[in-house]
Each structure stands twice: as C-alpha cells, then as structure tokens.
C-alpha cells in the first residue's frame, strides 16, 4: 500500500506548505536588502547636509527602524538628522540617540 493511499490528504498538505514557502521566501529575502538601501540613503543624506555634516553619527537599521547614535554640535543638527532619516523611503521609525556636544 502506497503512502499516498494511506494518507490521501498528505499531497494537499505538502502542496500548501510548498506554496506558502514560495510565497514567503521573496518577502523574507527582501528585508535585508531594504535595510541596506535605507542605511545607504540615510548616510548619504546625513553626510551631504551642512547642519549635520560635521557630526559623528552612526546609523543602524533593523526592519526599517533607523537608530541614530552619535554627537552633533547643535540641537538643530540633531533635529535635522532625524528629519532627514524620516524622509527616506521605507523608514518606519527613527530612534534618535544623538547628543548635542562641542565635538
């Protein structure tokens, strides 16, 4: 007696799991690429803006959440860094841990 005869629904179950895996795989593979793209774009915006340019800011991105860590000279620079990060497509949230200090 064949396995498929003993468990006639087994083929359906296996087919559903395969389809589910194929459907989820691209979404799961896309996340790191999106985070890398967000990281690159946030860094470019920060480096090219005069209010933030002189600051030492580290950028971390996890699942679209951007964390900014570092130091800038003015509160305006701190606020601008957060604003620039929010403008990048795909950013869900910005955690601003930037400190204002005399570098």
N, C-alpha and C. Protein backbone atom coordinates (compact mmCIF):
# COMPACT_ATOMS: atom_id res chain seq x y z
N UNK A 1 0.84 -1.17 0.00
CA UNK A 1 0.00 0.00 0.00
C UNK A 1 0.89 1.25 0.00
N UNK A 2 0.64 2.18 -0.89
CA UNK A 2 1.41 3.41 -1.01
C UNK A 2 1.07 4.39 0.10
N UNK A 3 2.05 5.23 0.42
CA UNK A 3 1.85 6.24 1.45
C UNK A 3 0.69 7.17 1.09
N UNK A 4 0.59 7.55 -0.20
CA UNK A 4 -0.48 8.45 -0.63
C UNK A 4 -1.85 7.81 -0.50
N UNK A 5 -1.91 6.47 -0.56
CA UNK A 5 -3.19 5.79 -0.38
C UNK A 5 -3.58 5.78 1.10
N UNK A 6 -2.59 5.69 1.95
CA UNK A 6 -2.86 5.67 3.39
C UNK A 6 -3.22 7.07 3.90
N UNK A 7 -2.60 8.07 3.32
CA UNK A 7 -2.84 9.45 3.72
C UNK A 7 -3.18 10.28 2.48
N UNK A 8 -4.41 10.22 2.01
CA UNK A 8 -4.77 10.90 0.76
C UNK A 8 -4.63 12.42 0.84
N UNK A 9 -4.72 13.00 2.01
CA UNK A 9 -4.60 14.46 2.14
C UNK A 9 -3.15 14.91 2.26
N UNK A 10 -2.21 13.99 2.34
CA UNK A 10 -0.80 14.33 2.51
C UNK A 10 -0.30 15.18 1.33
N UNK A 11 -0.70 14.85 0.12
CA UNK A 11 -0.27 15.64 -1.05
C UNK A 11 -0.75 17.07 -0.94
N UNK A 12 -1.96 17.24 -0.50
CA UNK A 12 -2.52 18.59 -0.35
C UNK A 12 -1.76 19.37 0.71
N UNK A 13 -1.47 18.73 1.81
CA UNK A 13 -0.74 19.39 2.89
C UNK A 13 0.66 19.81 2.42
N UNK A 14 1.35 18.91 1.75
CA UNK A 14 2.68 19.21 1.24
C UNK A 14 2.61 20.34 0.21
N UNK A 15 1.62 20.30 -0.66
CA UNK A 15 1.47 21.35 -1.68
C UNK A 15 1.23 22.71 -1.03
N UNK A 16 0.41 22.75 0.00
CA UNK A 16 0.13 24.01 0.69
C UNK A 16 1.40 24.56 1.34
N UNK A 17 2.17 23.71 2.00
CA UNK A 17 3.42 24.15 2.62
C UNK A 17 4.42 24.64 1.58
N UNK A 18 4.51 23.98 0.46
CA UNK A 18 5.42 24.43 -0.60
C UNK A 18 5.00 25.79 -1.15
N UNK A 19 3.72 25.95 -1.40
CA UNK A 19 3.24 27.23 -1.90
C UNK A 19 3.46 28.34 -0.88
N UNK A 20 3.22 28.05 0.37
CA UNK A 20 3.46 29.03 1.43
C UNK A 20 4.93 29.43 1.50
N UNK A 21 5.81 28.47 1.40
CA UNK A 21 7.26 28.74 1.43
C UNK A 21 7.68 29.58 0.23
N UNK A 22 7.15 29.27 -0.94
CA UNK A 22 7.48 30.03 -2.14
C UNK A 22 6.94 31.46 -2.06
N UNK A 23 5.79 31.62 -1.43
CA UNK A 23 5.20 32.94 -1.31
C UNK A 23 5.95 33.81 -0.30
N UNK A 24 6.41 33.22 0.80
CA UNK A 24 7.09 33.96 1.85
C UNK A 24 8.57 34.23 1.57
N UNK A 25 9.20 33.39 0.79
CA UNK A 25 10.64 33.50 0.55
C UNK A 25 11.06 34.87 0.01
N UNK A 26 10.41 35.41 -1.02
CA UNK A 26 10.84 36.73 -1.51
C UNK A 26 10.69 37.83 -0.47
N UNK A 27 9.64 37.79 0.31
CA UNK A 27 9.45 38.83 1.34
C UNK A 27 10.53 38.76 2.40
N UNK A 28 10.91 37.56 2.78
CA UNK A 28 11.95 37.40 3.81
C UNK A 28 13.31 37.78 3.26
N UNK A 29 13.57 37.49 2.02
CA UNK A 29 14.86 37.83 1.41
C UNK A 29 14.97 39.33 1.15
N UNK A 30 13.84 40.01 0.99
CA UNK A 30 13.84 41.44 0.67
C UNK A 30 14.24 42.30 1.86
N UNK A 31 13.95 41.90 3.07
CA UNK A 31 14.17 42.73 4.25
C UNK A 31 15.62 43.21 4.40
N UNK A 32 16.62 42.32 4.34
CA UNK A 32 17.99 42.82 4.47
C UNK A 32 18.37 43.79 3.35
N UNK A 33 17.88 43.55 2.15
CA UNK A 33 18.18 44.46 1.05
C UNK A 33 17.58 45.83 1.31
N UNK A 34 16.35 45.86 1.82
CA UNK A 34 15.71 47.13 2.14
C UNK A 34 16.47 47.86 3.24
N UNK A 35 16.88 47.14 4.27
CA UNK A 35 17.64 47.75 5.35
C UNK A 35 18.97 48.31 4.83
N UNK A 36 19.63 47.59 3.94
CA UNK A 36 20.89 48.06 3.37
C UNK A 36 20.67 49.33 2.55
N UNK A 37 19.59 49.35 1.76
CA UNK A 37 19.29 50.53 0.95
C UNK A 37 18.96 51.72 1.85
N UNK A 38 18.16 51.49 2.88
CA UNK A 38 17.82 52.56 3.82
C UNK A 38 19.08 53.10 4.49
N UNK A 39 19.95 52.20 4.94
CA UNK A 39 21.22 52.61 5.57
C UNK A 39 22.01 53.52 4.63
N UNK A 40 22.18 53.09 3.39
CA UNK A 40 22.96 53.87 2.42
C UNK A 40 22.34 55.25 2.19
N UNK A 41 21.03 55.30 2.03
CA UNK A 41 20.38 56.57 1.74
C UNK A 41 20.40 57.52 2.94
N UNK A 42 20.23 56.99 4.13
CA UNK A 42 20.30 57.84 5.33
C UNK A 42 21.71 58.40 5.47
N UNK A 43 22.73 57.54 5.31
CA UNK A 43 24.12 58.01 5.42
C UNK A 43 24.40 59.12 4.40
N UNK A 44 23.95 58.94 3.17
CA UNK A 44 24.17 59.96 2.14
C UNK A 44 23.51 61.28 2.51
N UNK A 45 22.29 61.22 3.00
CA UNK A 45 21.59 62.45 3.38
C UNK A 45 22.31 63.15 4.53
N UNK A 46 22.78 62.38 5.51
CA UNK A 46 23.47 62.97 6.65
C UNK A 46 24.80 63.60 6.25
N UNK A 47 25.55 62.91 5.43
CA UNK A 47 26.87 63.40 5.03
C UNK A 47 26.77 64.67 4.18
N UNK A 48 25.71 64.78 3.39
CA UNK A 48 25.59 65.91 2.47
C UNK A 48 24.87 67.12 3.05
N UNK A 49 24.37 67.04 4.26
CA UNK A 49 23.64 68.18 4.82
C UNK A 49 24.55 69.02 5.72
N UNK A 50 24.59 70.33 5.51
CA UNK A 50 25.51 71.19 6.27
C UNK A 50 25.26 71.23 7.78
N UNK A 51 24.02 71.07 8.23
CA UNK A 51 23.74 71.11 9.67
C UNK A 51 24.23 69.85 10.39
N UNK A 52 24.43 68.79 9.65
CA UNK A 52 24.77 67.50 10.26
C UNK A 52 26.17 67.03 9.86
N UNK A 53 26.68 67.56 8.78
CA UNK A 53 27.91 67.09 8.14
C UNK A 53 29.08 66.91 9.09
N UNK A 54 29.27 67.80 10.03
CA UNK A 54 30.42 67.72 10.91
C UNK A 54 30.26 66.74 12.05
N UNK A 55 29.07 66.18 12.20
CA UNK A 55 28.81 65.28 13.33
C UNK A 55 29.31 63.87 13.07
N UNK A 56 29.53 63.19 14.17
CA UNK A 56 29.92 61.78 14.09
C UNK A 56 28.69 60.96 14.43
N UNK A 57 27.97 60.51 13.40
CA UNK A 57 26.71 59.82 13.60
C UNK A 57 26.78 58.41 13.04
N UNK A 58 26.43 57.47 13.89
CA UNK A 58 26.36 56.07 13.49
C UNK A 58 24.90 55.77 13.16
N UNK A 59 24.70 55.00 12.09
CA UNK A 59 23.35 54.64 11.65
C UNK A 59 23.20 53.13 11.73
N UNK A 60 22.10 52.70 12.36
CA UNK A 60 21.76 51.27 12.41
C UNK A 60 20.34 51.13 11.89
N UNK A 61 20.10 50.10 11.08
CA UNK A 61 18.77 49.86 10.53
C UNK A 61 18.39 48.41 10.76
N UNK A 62 17.23 48.21 11.37
CA UNK A 62 16.70 46.86 11.59
C UNK A 62 15.21 46.88 11.26
N UNK A 63 14.83 46.13 10.26
CA UNK A 63 13.43 46.03 9.85
C UNK A 63 12.80 47.40 9.60
N UNK A 64 13.56 48.30 8.98
CA UNK A 64 13.04 49.62 8.64
C UNK A 64 13.09 50.63 9.77
N UNK A 65 13.55 50.22 10.95
CA UNK A 65 13.68 51.14 12.08
C UNK A 65 15.11 51.66 12.12
N UNK A 66 15.27 52.96 12.00
CA UNK A 66 16.58 53.59 11.96
C UNK A 66 16.94 54.11 13.35
N UNK A 67 18.14 53.77 13.81
CA UNK A 67 18.65 54.30 15.07
C UNK A 67 19.85 55.18 14.75
N UNK A 68 19.81 56.41 15.24
CA UNK A 68 20.90 57.36 15.04
C UNK A 68 21.62 57.53 16.38
N UNK A 69 22.93 57.30 16.36
CA UNK A 69 23.74 57.39 17.58
C UNK A 69 24.95 58.26 17.27
N UNK A 70 25.26 59.16 18.17
CA UNK A 70 26.47 59.96 17.95
C UNK A 70 26.35 61.35 18.55
N UNK A 71 27.13 62.26 17.98
CA UNK A 71 27.20 63.62 18.51
C UNK A 71 27.16 64.63 17.38
N UNK A 72 26.48 65.74 17.64
CA UNK A 72 26.46 66.89 16.73
C UNK A 72 26.68 68.15 17.55
N UNK A 73 26.93 69.25 16.88
CA UNK A 73 27.25 70.50 17.58
C UNK A 73 26.03 71.27 18.05
N UNK A 74 24.90 71.11 17.36
CA UNK A 74 23.73 71.92 17.70
C UNK A 74 22.47 71.05 17.79
N UNK A 75 21.47 71.60 18.50
CA UNK A 75 20.19 70.91 18.57
C UNK A 75 19.53 70.89 17.19
N UNK A 76 19.78 71.94 16.43
CA UNK A 76 19.25 71.98 15.06
C UNK A 76 19.79 70.81 14.24
N UNK A 77 21.07 70.50 14.41
CA UNK A 77 21.68 69.36 13.71
C UNK A 77 21.06 68.04 14.15
N UNK A 78 20.78 67.93 15.44
CA UNK A 78 20.14 66.71 15.98
C UNK A 78 18.76 66.51 15.36
N UNK A 79 17.97 67.58 15.35
CA UNK A 79 16.63 67.51 14.78
C UNK A 79 16.66 67.27 13.28
N UNK A 80 17.62 67.89 12.61
CA UNK A 80 17.72 67.74 11.15
C UNK A 80 18.09 66.30 10.78
N UNK A 81 18.98 65.69 11.55
CA UNK A 81 19.37 64.30 11.28
C UNK A 81 18.15 63.39 11.35
N UNK A 82 17.33 63.59 12.36
CA UNK A 82 16.11 62.78 12.50
C UNK A 82 15.16 63.03 11.34
N UNK A 83 14.99 64.28 10.98
CA UNK A 83 14.11 64.65 9.88
C UNK A 83 14.57 64.02 8.55
N UNK A 84 15.87 64.09 8.31
CA UNK A 84 16.43 63.50 7.07
C UNK A 84 16.20 62.00 7.02
N UNK A 85 16.39 61.34 8.15
CA UNK A 85 16.20 59.88 8.19
C UNK A 85 14.74 59.53 7.91
N UNK A 86 13.81 60.31 8.46
CA UNK A 86 12.37 60.06 8.24
C UNK A 86 11.99 60.17 6.77
N UNK A 87 12.71 60.97 6.01
CA UNK A 87 12.38 61.21 4.60
C UNK A 87 12.75 60.05 3.68
N UNK A 88 13.56 59.13 4.15
CA UNK A 88 13.99 58.01 3.31
C UNK A 88 12.85 57.00 3.18
N UNK A 89 12.59 56.61 1.96
CA UNK A 89 11.51 55.65 1.68
C UNK A 89 11.78 54.33 2.40
N UNK A 90 10.76 53.82 3.09
CA UNK A 90 10.89 52.54 3.77
C UNK A 90 11.17 52.66 5.25
N UNK A 91 11.49 53.87 5.72
CA UNK A 91 11.76 54.07 7.15
C UNK A 91 10.44 54.05 7.90
N UNK A 92 10.34 53.16 8.88
CA UNK A 92 9.12 53.02 9.67
C UNK A 92 9.17 53.90 10.92
N UNK A 93 10.37 54.04 11.48
CA UNK A 93 10.53 54.77 12.74
C UNK A 93 11.98 55.21 12.85
N UNK A 94 12.20 56.34 13.52
CA UNK A 94 13.56 56.80 13.79
C UNK A 94 13.75 56.94 15.29
N UNK A 95 14.77 56.28 15.80
CA UNK A 95 15.15 56.41 17.21
C UNK A 95 16.37 57.32 17.25
N UNK A 96 16.20 58.48 17.84
CA UNK A 96 17.26 59.49 17.83
C UNK A 96 18.00 59.50 19.16
N UNK A 97 19.20 58.96 19.16
CA UNK A 97 20.05 58.92 20.37
C UNK A 97 21.25 59.86 20.21
N UNK A 98 21.11 60.83 19.35
CA UNK A 98 22.19 61.79 19.10
C UNK A 98 22.28 62.78 20.27
N UNK A 99 23.51 63.06 20.69
CA UNK A 99 23.76 64.01 21.76
C UNK A 99 24.32 65.30 21.19
N UNK A 100 23.91 66.41 21.77
CA UNK A 100 24.45 67.72 21.36
C UNK A 100 25.63 68.01 22.26
N UNK A 101 26.79 68.25 21.64
CA UNK A 101 28.00 68.49 22.39
C UNK A 101 28.99 69.30 21.56
N UNK A 102 29.97 69.89 22.20
CA UNK A 102 31.05 70.58 21.47
C UNK A 102 32.07 69.55 21.05
N UNK A 103 31.88 69.01 19.89
CA UNK A 103 32.77 67.95 19.39
C UNK A 103 34.20 68.32 19.65
